[in-house]
Amino acid sequence: MAITAQEVNKLRQMTGAGMMDCKKALTEAEGDFEKAVDILRKKGQKVSASRADRETKEGVVVTRVAENGAKGILLSLTCETDFVAKNEEFGAFANALIDLAVANGSDSKDAVMALPFENITVAEKIVEMTGKIGEKIDISHFEIVTAEAVVPYVHSNGKLGVLVGLVNASGADVEEAGKDVAMQIAAMNPVAVDKDGVDASTIEREIEIGKEQARAEGKAEEMLEKIAMGKLQKFYKENTLLSQQFVKDGSKSIAQYLDGVSKGLTVNAFKRISIG
């Protein structure tokens, strides 16, 4: 009997198996979907649904910066095992996805998933690759930074990536300074650029923790608020990027380091993603 492309696609969506495998299974099952699924299962093809709740703790991080240097994209493609993450085809797919995102001006994961890829969508291609590779695959992160100059960094293990947005970015040393700051972000994982970027819930939590610590130390109740605010300032210094001690030179903060590279040079945004 004749099997339609629509039927093949339906089975592929159900199972995550490849198109040719689905067509063969449907032909062998004479169009019976349940029998076709059984045929695929016997061949180890039905993996997508059964792996939907599996954790993707491995993968790769890739970055791209626009030709004018003012926009950067950070994307992670994740899987279940390091073996698959190191597979050449998997890495090539991650790079193809971010190139596609750049070419189409995509601004979100959903936008990328809807893009055409080899006559199907990216979302459908991911389902297809899940069936082929036998592991859950996902675009787990998609981040964008825009600035006068955006500098990317990917750690040597390929699982940690950073984008740094710089303003007042003039001078030959700006690129190197951006790399230094990106490595600082990778190592120290700040919560925000400066204290103004720290969300209210984090501030409230830190103040409450400060009060409880002071209370446990036997401090007077009327002193708790003042002590907690002092601890909050220490939190800002240790956990916001511009106030952090520069890893390469402990005598300077990141703000002081950047201003020393080029007067007024600073950071307006950053994104950091880590797999695992």
C-alpha atoms as a PDB file:
ATOM      1  CA  MET A   1       0.000   0.000   0.000  1.00  0.00           C
ATOM      2  CA  ALA A   2       1.098   3.592  -0.546  1.00  0.00           C
ATOM      3  CA  ILE A   3       2.376   5.394   2.575  1.00  0.00           C
ATOM      4  CA  THR A   4       1.984   9.179   2.544  1.00  0.00           C
ATOM      5  CA  ALA A   5       4.602  11.672   3.698  1.00  0.00           C
ATOM      6  CA  GLN A   6       2.106  12.921   6.292  1.00  0.00           C
ATOM      7  CA  GLU A   7       1.828   9.444   7.811  1.00  0.00           C
ATOM      8  CA  VAL A   8       5.600   9.084   7.881  1.00  0.00           C
ATOM      9  CA  ASN A   9       5.942  12.452   9.628  1.00  0.00           C
ATOM     10  CA  LYS A  10       3.264  11.509  12.175  1.00  0.00           C
ATOM     11  CA  LEU A  11       5.110   8.329  13.105  1.00  0.00           C
ATOM     12  CA  ARG A  12       8.374  10.233  13.291  1.00  0.00           C
ATOM     13  CA  GLN A  13       6.809  12.735  15.689  1.00  0.00           C
ATOM     14  CA  MET A  14       5.467   9.857  17.801  1.00  0.00           C
ATOM     15  CA  THR A  15       8.716   7.941  18.016  1.00  0.00           C
ATOM     16  CA  GLY A  16      11.651  10.166  17.133  1.00  0.00           C
ATOM     17  CA  ALA A  17      12.897   7.602  14.615  1.00  0.00           C
ATOM     18  CA  GLY A  18      14.340   8.601  11.249  1.00  0.00           C
ATOM     19  CA  MET A  19      12.115   9.224   8.235  1.00  0.00           C
ATOM     20  CA  MET A  20      13.283   6.204   6.236  1.00  0.00           C
ATOM     21  CA  ASP A  21      12.931   3.932   9.276  1.00  0.00           C
ATOM     22  CA  CYS A  22       9.377   5.214   9.787  1.00  0.00           C
ATOM     23  CA  LYS A  23       8.489   4.694   6.145  1.00  0.00           C
ATOM     24  CA  LYS A  24       9.843   1.137   6.170  1.00  0.00           C
ATOM     25  CA  ALA A  25       8.025   0.330   9.423  1.00  0.00           C
ATOM     26  CA  LEU A  26       4.711   1.702   8.148  1.00  0.00           C
ATOM     27  CA  THR A  27       5.087  -0.204   4.879  1.00  0.00           C
ATOM     28  CA  GLU A  28       5.854  -3.427   6.741  1.00  0.00           C
ATOM     29  CA  ALA A  29       2.894  -2.787   9.078  1.00  0.00           C
ATOM     30  CA  GLU A  30       0.632  -1.969   6.144  1.00  0.00           C
ATOM     31  CA  GLY A  31      -0.177   1.451   7.570  1.00  0.00           C
ATOM     32  CA  ASP A  32      -1.011   0.243  11.095  1.00  0.00           C
ATOM     33  CA  PHE A  33       0.624   2.748  13.453  1.00  0.00           C
ATOM     34  CA  GLU A  34       0.629   0.489  16.521  1.00  0.00           C
ATOM     35  CA  LYS A  35       2.299  -2.313  14.580  1.00  0.00           C
ATOM     36  CA  ALA A  36       4.745   0.189  13.080  1.00  0.00           C
ATOM     37  CA  VAL A  37       5.689   1.414  16.562  1.00  0.00           C
ATOM     38  CA  ASP A  38       6.251  -2.197  17.648  1.00  0.00           C
ATOM     39  CA  ILE A  39       8.487  -2.774  14.632  1.00  0.00           C
ATOM     40  CA  LEU A  40      10.536   0.302  15.491  1.00  0.00           C
ATOM     41  CA  ARG A  41      10.745  -0.693  19.149  1.00  0.00           C
ATOM     42  CA  LYS A  42      12.087  -4.100  18.214  1.00  0.00           C
ATOM     43  CA  LYS A  43      14.808  -2.301  16.273  1.00  0.00           C
ATOM     44  CA  GLY A  44      15.523   0.031  19.198  1.00  0.00           C
ATOM     45  CA  GLN A  45      14.161   3.061  17.374  1.00  0.00           C
ATOM     46  CA  LYS A  46      11.468   4.297  19.753  1.00  0.00           C
ATOM     47  CA  VAL A  47      13.477   6.535  22.047  1.00  0.00           C
ATOM     48  CA  SER A  48      12.133  10.073  22.002  1.00  0.00           C
ATOM     49  CA  ALA A  49       9.050   9.581  24.191  1.00  0.00           C
ATOM     50  CA  SER A  50      10.767   7.246  26.619  1.00  0.00           C
ATOM     51  CA  ARG A  51      13.617   9.693  27.106  1.00  0.00           C
ATOM     52  CA  ALA A  52      11.568  12.855  27.524  1.00  0.00           C
ATOM     53  CA  ASP A  53      12.184  12.883  31.266  1.00  0.00           C
ATOM     54  CA  ARG A  54      15.889  12.069  31.072  1.00  0.00           C
ATOM     55  CA  GLU A  55      18.388  14.673  32.237  1.00  0.00           C
ATOM     56  CA  THR A  56      20.739  16.293  29.756  1.00  0.00           C
ATOM     57  CA  LYS A  57      23.891  16.919  31.796  1.00  0.00           C
ATOM     58  CA  GLU A  58      26.386  16.828  28.940  1.00  0.00           C
ATOM     59  CA  GLY A  59      26.759  18.762  25.714  1.00  0.00           C
ATOM     60  CA  VAL A  60      28.546  21.679  24.094  1.00  0.00           C
ATOM     61  CA  VAL A  61      28.429  25.464  24.302  1.00  0.00           C
ATOM     62  CA  VAL A  62      28.965  27.554  21.172  1.00  0.00           C
ATOM     63  CA  THR A  63      29.146  31.314  20.593  1.00  0.00           C
ATOM     64  CA  ARG A  64      28.951  33.709  17.686  1.00  0.00           C
ATOM     65  CA  VAL A  65      29.484  37.464  17.472  1.00  0.00           C
ATOM     66  CA  ALA A  66      28.109  39.577  14.625  1.00  0.00           C
ATOM     67  CA  GLU A  67      30.568  41.054  12.138  1.00  0.00           C
ATOM     68  CA  ASN A  68      30.131  44.523  13.629  1.00  0.00           C
ATOM     69  CA  GLY A  69      30.935  43.082  17.076  1.00  0.00           C
ATOM     70  CA  ALA A  70      27.820  44.564  18.667  1.00  0.00           C
ATOM     71  CA  LYS A  71      25.746  41.413  19.183  1.00  0.00           C
ATOM     72  CA  GLY A  72      26.670  37.999  20.524  1.00  0.00           C
ATOM     73  CA  ILE A  73      24.766  34.728  20.806  1.00  0.00           C
ATOM     74  CA  LEU A  74      25.453  31.959  23.287  1.00  0.00           C
ATOM     75  CA  LEU A  75      23.836  28.541  22.751  1.00  0.00           C
ATOM     76  CA  SER A  76      24.096  25.183  24.479  1.00  0.00           C
ATOM     77  CA  LEU A  77      23.101  21.906  22.869  1.00  0.00           C
ATOM     78  CA  THR A  78      22.778  19.230  25.525  1.00  0.00           C
ATOM     79  CA  CYS A  79      22.605  15.445  25.650  1.00  0.00           C
ATOM     80  CA  GLU A  80      22.836  12.672  28.238  1.00  0.00           C
ATOM     81  CA  THR A  81      26.408  11.359  27.939  1.00  0.00           C
ATOM     82  CA  ASP A  82      29.888  12.738  27.396  1.00  0.00           C
ATOM     83  CA  PHE A  83      30.356  10.165  24.636  1.00  0.00           C
ATOM     84  CA  VAL A  84      27.659  11.820  22.518  1.00  0.00           C
ATOM     85  CA  ALA A  85      28.786  15.345  23.477  1.00  0.00           C
ATOM     86  CA  LYS A  86      32.232  14.612  22.024  1.00  0.00           C
ATOM     87  CA  ASN A  87      30.758  13.149  18.838  1.00  0.00           C
ATOM     88  CA  GLU A  88      31.810  15.155  15.772  1.00  0.00           C
ATOM     89  CA  GLU A  89      28.303  15.121  14.310  1.00  0.00           C
ATOM     90  CA  PHE A  90      26.821  16.461  17.557  1.00  0.00           C
ATOM     91  CA  GLY A  91      29.294  19.344  17.669  1.00  0.00           C
ATOM     92  CA  ALA A  92      28.702  20.128  14.012  1.00  0.00           C
ATOM     93  CA  PHE A  93      24.942  20.239  14.658  1.00  0.00           C
ATOM     94  CA  ALA A  94      25.417  22.729  17.515  1.00  0.00           C
ATOM     95  CA  ASN A  95      27.486  24.979  15.241  1.00  0.00           C
ATOM     96  CA  ALA A  96      24.955  24.660  12.432  1.00  0.00           C
ATOM     97  CA  LEU A  97      22.170  25.741  14.814  1.00  0.00           C
ATOM     98  CA  ILE A  98      23.953  28.870  16.011  1.00  0.00           C
ATOM     99  CA  ASP A  99      24.928  29.801  12.452  1.00  0.00           C
ATOM    100  CA  LEU A 100      21.281  29.427  11.489  1.00  0.00           C
ATOM    101  CA  ALA A 101      20.241  31.608  14.424  1.00  0.00           C
ATOM    102  CA  VAL A 102      22.683  34.335  13.389  1.00  0.00           C
ATOM    103  CA  ALA A 103      21.631  34.195   9.739  1.00  0.00           C
ATOM    104  CA  ASN A 104      17.966  34.573  10.677  1.00  0.00           C
ATOM    105  CA  GLY A 105      18.360  37.109  13.466  1.00  0.00           C
ATOM    106  CA  SER A 106      16.710  34.763  15.973  1.00  0.00           C
ATOM    107  CA  ASP A 107      16.143  36.229  19.427  1.00  0.00           C
ATOM    108  CA  SER A 108      14.916  33.199  21.406  1.00  0.00           C
ATOM    109  CA  LYS A 109      15.078  29.429  21.674  1.00  0.00           C
ATOM    110  CA  ASP A 110      11.521  29.143  20.365  1.00  0.00           C
ATOM    111  CA  ALA A 111      12.454  31.173  17.300  1.00  0.00           C
ATOM    112  CA  VAL A 112      15.398  28.856  16.605  1.00  0.00           C
ATOM    113  CA  MET A 113      13.246  25.735  17.047  1.00  0.00           C
ATOM    114  CA  ALA A 114      10.851  27.002  14.375  1.00  0.00           C
ATOM    115  CA  LEU A 115      13.545  27.671  11.754  1.00  0.00           C
ATOM    116  CA  PRO A 116      13.769  25.469   8.653  1.00  0.00           C
ATOM    117  CA  PHE A 117      16.547  22.877   8.707  1.00  0.00           C
ATOM    118  CA  GLU A 118      17.050  20.408   5.840  1.00  0.00           C
ATOM    119  CA  ASN A 119      13.413  20.694   4.673  1.00  0.00           C
ATOM    120  CA  ILE A 120      12.057  20.259   8.221  1.00  0.00           C
ATOM    121  CA  THR A 121      12.139  22.478  11.313  1.00  0.00           C
ATOM    122  CA  VAL A 122      14.932  22.553  13.877  1.00  0.00           C
ATOM    123  CA  ALA A 123      12.499  21.065  16.411  1.00  0.00           C
ATOM    124  CA  GLU A 124      11.785  18.165  14.062  1.00  0.00           C
ATOM    125  CA  LYS A 125      15.487  17.718  13.349  1.00  0.00           C
ATOM    126  CA  ILE A 126      16.172  17.432  17.079  1.00  0.00           C
ATOM    127  CA  VAL A 127      13.495  14.724  17.338  1.00  0.00           C
ATOM    128  CA  GLU A 128      15.094  12.970  14.382  1.00  0.00           C
ATOM    129  CA  MET A 129      18.568  13.138  15.937  1.00  0.00           C
ATOM    130  CA  THR A 130      17.168  11.892  19.255  1.00  0.00           C
ATOM    131  CA  GLY A 131      15.945   8.818  17.420  1.00  0.00           C
ATOM    132  CA  LYS A 132      19.220   8.405  15.560  1.00  0.00           C
ATOM    133  CA  ILE A 133      21.603   8.920  18.486  1.00  0.00           C
ATOM    134  CA  GLY A 134      19.434   7.323  21.160  1.00  0.00           C
ATOM    135  CA  GLU A 135      19.668  10.131  23.713  1.00  0.00           C
ATOM    136  CA  LYS A 136      17.541  13.103  24.660  1.00  0.00           C
ATOM    137  CA  ILE A 137      18.847  16.219  22.896  1.00  0.00           C
ATOM    138  CA  ASP A 138      17.811  19.794  23.598  1.00  0.00           C
ATOM    139  CA  ILE A 139      18.768  23.426  23.126  1.00  0.00           C
ATOM    140  CA  SER A 140      18.989  24.119  26.840  1.00  0.00           C
ATOM    141  CA  HIS A 141      20.197  27.720  26.696  1.00  0.00           C
ATOM    142  CA  PHE A 142      19.948  30.546  24.195  1.00  0.00           C
ATOM    143  CA  GLU A 143      21.288  33.927  25.310  1.00  0.00           C
ATOM    144  CA  ILE A 144      21.957  37.247  23.568  1.00  0.00           C
ATOM    145  CA  VAL A 145      24.114  40.222  24.563  1.00  0.00           C
ATOM    146  CA  THR A 146      24.178  43.549  22.710  1.00  0.00           C
ATOM    147  CA  ALA A 147      26.712  46.303  23.377  1.00  0.00           C
ATOM    148  CA  GLU A 148      29.282  48.526  21.674  1.00  0.00           C
ATOM    149  CA  ALA A 149      31.569  45.495  21.701  1.00  0.00           C
ATOM    150  CA  VAL A 150      30.714  41.915  22.641  1.00  0.00           C
ATOM    151  CA  VAL A 151      33.504  39.511  23.553  1.00  0.00           C
ATOM    152  CA  PRO A 152      32.927  35.726  23.715  1.00  0.00           C
ATOM    153  CA  TYR A 153      34.715  33.039  25.715  1.00  0.00           C
ATOM    154  CA  VAL A 154      34.285  29.272  25.785  1.00  0.00           C
ATOM    155  CA  HIS A 155      36.197  27.274  28.379  1.00  0.00           C
ATOM    156  CA  SER A 156      38.531  24.525  27.165  1.00  0.00           C
ATOM    157  CA  ASN A 157      36.077  21.780  28.166  1.00  0.00           C
ATOM    158  CA  GLY A 158      33.466  23.223  25.784  1.00  0.00           C
ATOM    159  CA  LYS A 159      30.791  23.159  28.499  1.00  0.00           C
ATOM    160  CA  LEU A 160      31.072  26.699  29.861  1.00  0.00           C
ATOM    161  CA  GLY A 161      30.571  29.846  27.805  1.00  0.00           C
ATOM    162  CA  VAL A 162      30.418  33.585  28.457  1.00  0.00           C
ATOM    163  CA  LEU A 163      29.456  36.720  26.526  1.00  0.00           C
ATOM    164  CA  VAL A 164      30.593  40.122  27.831  1.00  0.00           C
ATOM    165  CA  GLY A 165      29.129  43.419  26.617  1.00  0.00           C
ATOM    166  CA  LEU A 166      31.478  46.400  26.820  1.00  0.00           C
ATOM    167  CA  VAL A 167      30.711  50.125  26.586  1.00  0.00           C
ATOM    168  CA  ASN A 168      33.120  52.991  25.925  1.00  0.00           C
ATOM    169  CA  ALA A 169      35.062  50.316  24.104  1.00  0.00           C
ATOM    170  CA  SER A 170      37.870  52.022  22.229  1.00  0.00           C
ATOM    171  CA  GLY A 171      41.520  51.088  21.996  1.00  0.00           C
ATOM    172  CA  ALA A 172      43.576  48.113  20.919  1.00  0.00           C
ATOM    173  CA  ASP A 173      43.473  46.409  24.323  1.00  0.00           C
ATOM    174  CA  VAL A 174      39.687  46.196  24.610  1.00  0.00           C
ATOM    175  CA  GLU A 175      39.450  42.681  23.116  1.00  0.00           C
ATOM    176  CA  GLU A 176      42.054  41.336  25.550  1.00  0.00           C
ATOM    177  CA  ALA A 177      40.344  43.099  28.464  1.00  0.00           C
ATOM    178  CA  GLY A 178      37.042  41.556  27.414  1.00  0.00           C
ATOM    179  CA  LYS A 179      38.629  38.093  27.444  1.00  0.00           C
ATOM    180  CA  ASP A 180      40.023  38.725  30.915  1.00  0.00           C
ATOM    181  CA  VAL A 181      36.602  39.765  32.209  1.00  0.00           C
ATOM    182  CA  ALA A 182      34.897  36.839  30.489  1.00  0.00           C
ATOM    183  CA  MET A 183      37.326  34.440  32.196  1.00  0.00           C
ATOM    184  CA  GLN A 184      36.596  36.192  35.503  1.00  0.00           C
ATOM    185  CA  ILE A 185      32.864  35.588  34.963  1.00  0.00           C
ATOM    186  CA  ALA A 186      33.517  31.957  34.054  1.00  0.00           C
ATOM    187  CA  ALA A 187      35.542  31.409  37.233  1.00  0.00           C
ATOM    188  CA  MET A 188      33.651  33.560  39.768  1.00  0.00           C
ATOM    189  CA  ASN A 189      30.056  33.363  38.473  1.00  0.00           C
ATOM    190  CA  PRO A 190      28.867  36.838  39.590  1.00  0.00           C
ATOM    191  CA  VAL A 191      25.133  37.363  40.102  1.00  0.00           C
ATOM    192  CA  ALA A 192      24.982  40.727  38.312  1.00  0.00           C
ATOM    193  CA  VAL A 193      27.091  43.470  36.716  1.00  0.00           C
ATOM    194  CA  ASP A 194      26.762  45.705  39.805  1.00  0.00           C
ATOM    195  CA  LYS A 195      24.542  46.078  42.878  1.00  0.00           C
ATOM    196  CA  ASP A 196      21.813  47.777  40.826  1.00  0.00           C
ATOM    197  CA  GLY A 197      21.403  44.542  38.879  1.00  0.00           C
ATOM    198  CA  VAL A 198      20.802  42.325  41.909  1.00  0.00           C
ATOM    199  CA  ASP A 199      17.149  41.315  42.135  1.00  0.00           C
ATOM    200  CA  ALA A 200      15.073  42.334  45.139  1.00  0.00           C
ATOM    201  CA  SER A 201      14.471  38.770  46.339  1.00  0.00           C
ATOM    202  CA  THR A 202      18.221  38.121  46.554  1.00  0.00           C
ATOM    203  CA  ILE A 203      18.739  41.343  48.523  1.00  0.00           C
ATOM    204  CA  GLU A 204      15.937  40.445  50.949  1.00  0.00           C
ATOM    205  CA  ARG A 205      17.363  36.971  51.407  1.00  0.00           C
ATOM    206  CA  GLU A 206      20.877  38.279  52.096  1.00  0.00           C
ATOM    207  CA  ILE A 207      19.585  40.817  54.630  1.00  0.00           C
ATOM    208  CA  GLU A 208      17.586  38.125  56.430  1.00  0.00           C
ATOM    209  CA  ILE A 209      20.598  35.789  56.468  1.00  0.00           C
ATOM    210  CA  GLY A 210      22.750  38.627  57.823  1.00  0.00           C
ATOM    211  CA  LYS A 211      20.273  39.277  60.621  1.00  0.00           C
ATOM    212  CA  GLU A 212      20.084  35.607  61.565  1.00  0.00           C
ATOM    213  CA  GLN A 213      23.871  35.309  61.608  1.00  0.00           C
ATOM    214  CA  ALA A 214      24.151  38.358  63.864  1.00  0.00           C
ATOM    215  CA  ARG A 215      21.370  37.079  66.094  1.00  0.00           C
ATOM    216  CA  ALA A 216      23.144  33.710  66.405  1.00  0.00           C
ATOM    217  CA  GLU A 217      26.295  35.580  67.436  1.00  0.00           C
ATOM    218  CA  GLY A 218      24.338  37.171  70.279  1.00  0.00           C
ATOM    219  CA  LYS A 219      24.138  40.688  68.859  1.00  0.00           C
ATOM    220  CA  ALA A 220      21.490  43.049  70.223  1.00  0.00           C
ATOM    221  CA  GLU A 221      18.236  43.181  68.269  1.00  0.00           C
ATOM    222  CA  GLU A 222      18.581  46.918  67.611  1.00  0.00           C
ATOM    223  CA  MET A 223      21.931  46.270  65.918  1.00  0.00           C
ATOM    224  CA  LEU A 224      20.763  43.521  63.560  1.00  0.00           C
ATOM    225  CA  GLU A 225      19.648  45.771  60.693  1.00  0.00           C
ATOM    226  CA  LYS A 226      22.934  47.722  60.642  1.00  0.00           C
ATOM    227  CA  ILE A 227      25.004  44.538  60.793  1.00  0.00           C
ATOM    228  CA  ALA A 228      22.945  42.934  58.034  1.00  0.00           C
ATOM    229  CA  MET A 229      23.422  45.951  55.777  1.00  0.00           C
ATOM    230  CA  GLY A 230      27.167  45.710  56.332  1.00  0.00           C
ATOM    231  CA  LYS A 231      27.075  42.061  55.319  1.00  0.00           C
ATOM    232  CA  LEU A 232      25.023  43.013  52.241  1.00  0.00           C
ATOM    233  CA  GLN A 233      27.783  45.403  51.130  1.00  0.00           C
ATOM    234  CA  LYS A 234      30.272  42.555  51.473  1.00  0.00           C
ATOM    235  CA  PHE A 235      27.947  40.359  49.375  1.00  0.00           C
ATOM    236  CA  TYR A 236      27.925  43.020  46.631  1.00  0.00           C
ATOM    237  CA  LYS A 237      31.711  43.221  46.681  1.00  0.00           C
ATOM    238  CA  GLU A 238      32.145  39.476  46.361  1.00  0.00           C
ATOM    239  CA  ASN A 239      29.275  38.668  44.004  1.00  0.00           C
ATOM    240  CA  THR A 240      28.788  41.558  41.561  1.00  0.00           C
ATOM    241  CA  LEU A 241      31.182  41.672  38.640  1.00  0.00           C
ATOM    242  CA  LEU A 242      32.477  45.249  38.705  1.00  0.00           C
ATOM    243  CA  SER A 243      33.094  45.120  42.457  1.00  0.00           C
ATOM    244  CA  GLN A 244      34.813  41.733  42.453  1.00  0.00           C
ATOM    245  CA  GLN A 245      38.515  41.473  43.055  1.00  0.00           C
ATOM    246  CA  PHE A 246      40.249  40.938  39.715  1.00  0.00           C
ATOM    247  CA  VAL A 247      41.543  37.352  39.696  1.00  0.00           C
ATOM    248  CA  LYS A 248      44.694  38.270  37.769  1.00  0.00           C
ATOM    249  CA  ASP A 249      45.545  41.233  40.031  1.00  0.00           C
ATOM    250  CA  GLY A 250      44.086  41.196  43.523  1.00  0.00           C
ATOM    251  CA  SER A 251      44.962  44.852  44.110  1.00  0.00           C
ATOM    252  CA  LYS A 252      42.209  45.955  41.698  1.00  0.00           C
ATOM    253  CA  SER A 253      38.492  45.480  41.274  1.00  0.00           C
ATOM    254  CA  ILE A 254      37.168  44.640  37.809  1.00  0.00           C
ATOM    255  CA  ALA A 255      35.887  48.227  37.509  1.00  0.00           C
ATOM    256  CA  GLN A 256      39.351  49.593  38.303  1.00  0.00           C
ATOM    257  CA  TYR A 257      41.028  47.168  35.914  1.00  0.00           C
ATOM    258  CA  LEU A 258      38.777  48.149  33.005  1.00  0.00           C
ATOM    259  CA  ASP A 259      39.122  51.863  33.672  1.00  0.00           C
ATOM    260  CA  GLY A 260      42.886  51.382  33.659  1.00  0.00           C
ATOM    261  CA  VAL A 261      42.768  49.705  30.265  1.00  0.00           C
ATOM    262  CA  SER A 262      40.728  52.538  28.716  1.00  0.00           C
ATOM    263  CA  LYS A 263      39.155  55.470  30.562  1.00  0.00           C
ATOM    264  CA  GLY A 264      35.432  54.834  31.027  1.00  0.00           C
ATOM    265  CA  LEU A 265      35.561  51.241  29.753  1.00  0.00           C
ATOM    266  CA  THR A 266      32.992  49.133  31.588  1.00  0.00           C
ATOM    267  CA  VAL A 267      30.501  46.266  31.277  1.00  0.00           C
ATOM    268  CA  ASN A 268      26.814  46.768  30.549  1.00  0.00           C
ATOM    269  CA  ALA A 269      25.776  43.101  30.378  1.00  0.00           C
ATOM    270  CA  PHE A 270      26.994  39.533  30.469  1.00  0.00           C
ATOM    271  CA  LYS A 271      25.627  36.039  30.071  1.00  0.00           C
ATOM    272  CA  ARG A 272      27.146  32.833  31.423  1.00  0.00           C
ATOM    273  CA  ILE A 273      25.947  29.310  30.748  1.00  0.00           C
ATOM    274  CA  SER A 274      27.365  26.102  32.100  1.00  0.00           C
ATOM    275  CA  ILE A 275      26.456  22.476  31.364  1.00  0.00           C
ATOM    276  CA  GLY A 276      26.536  19.862  34.111  1.00  0.00           C
END
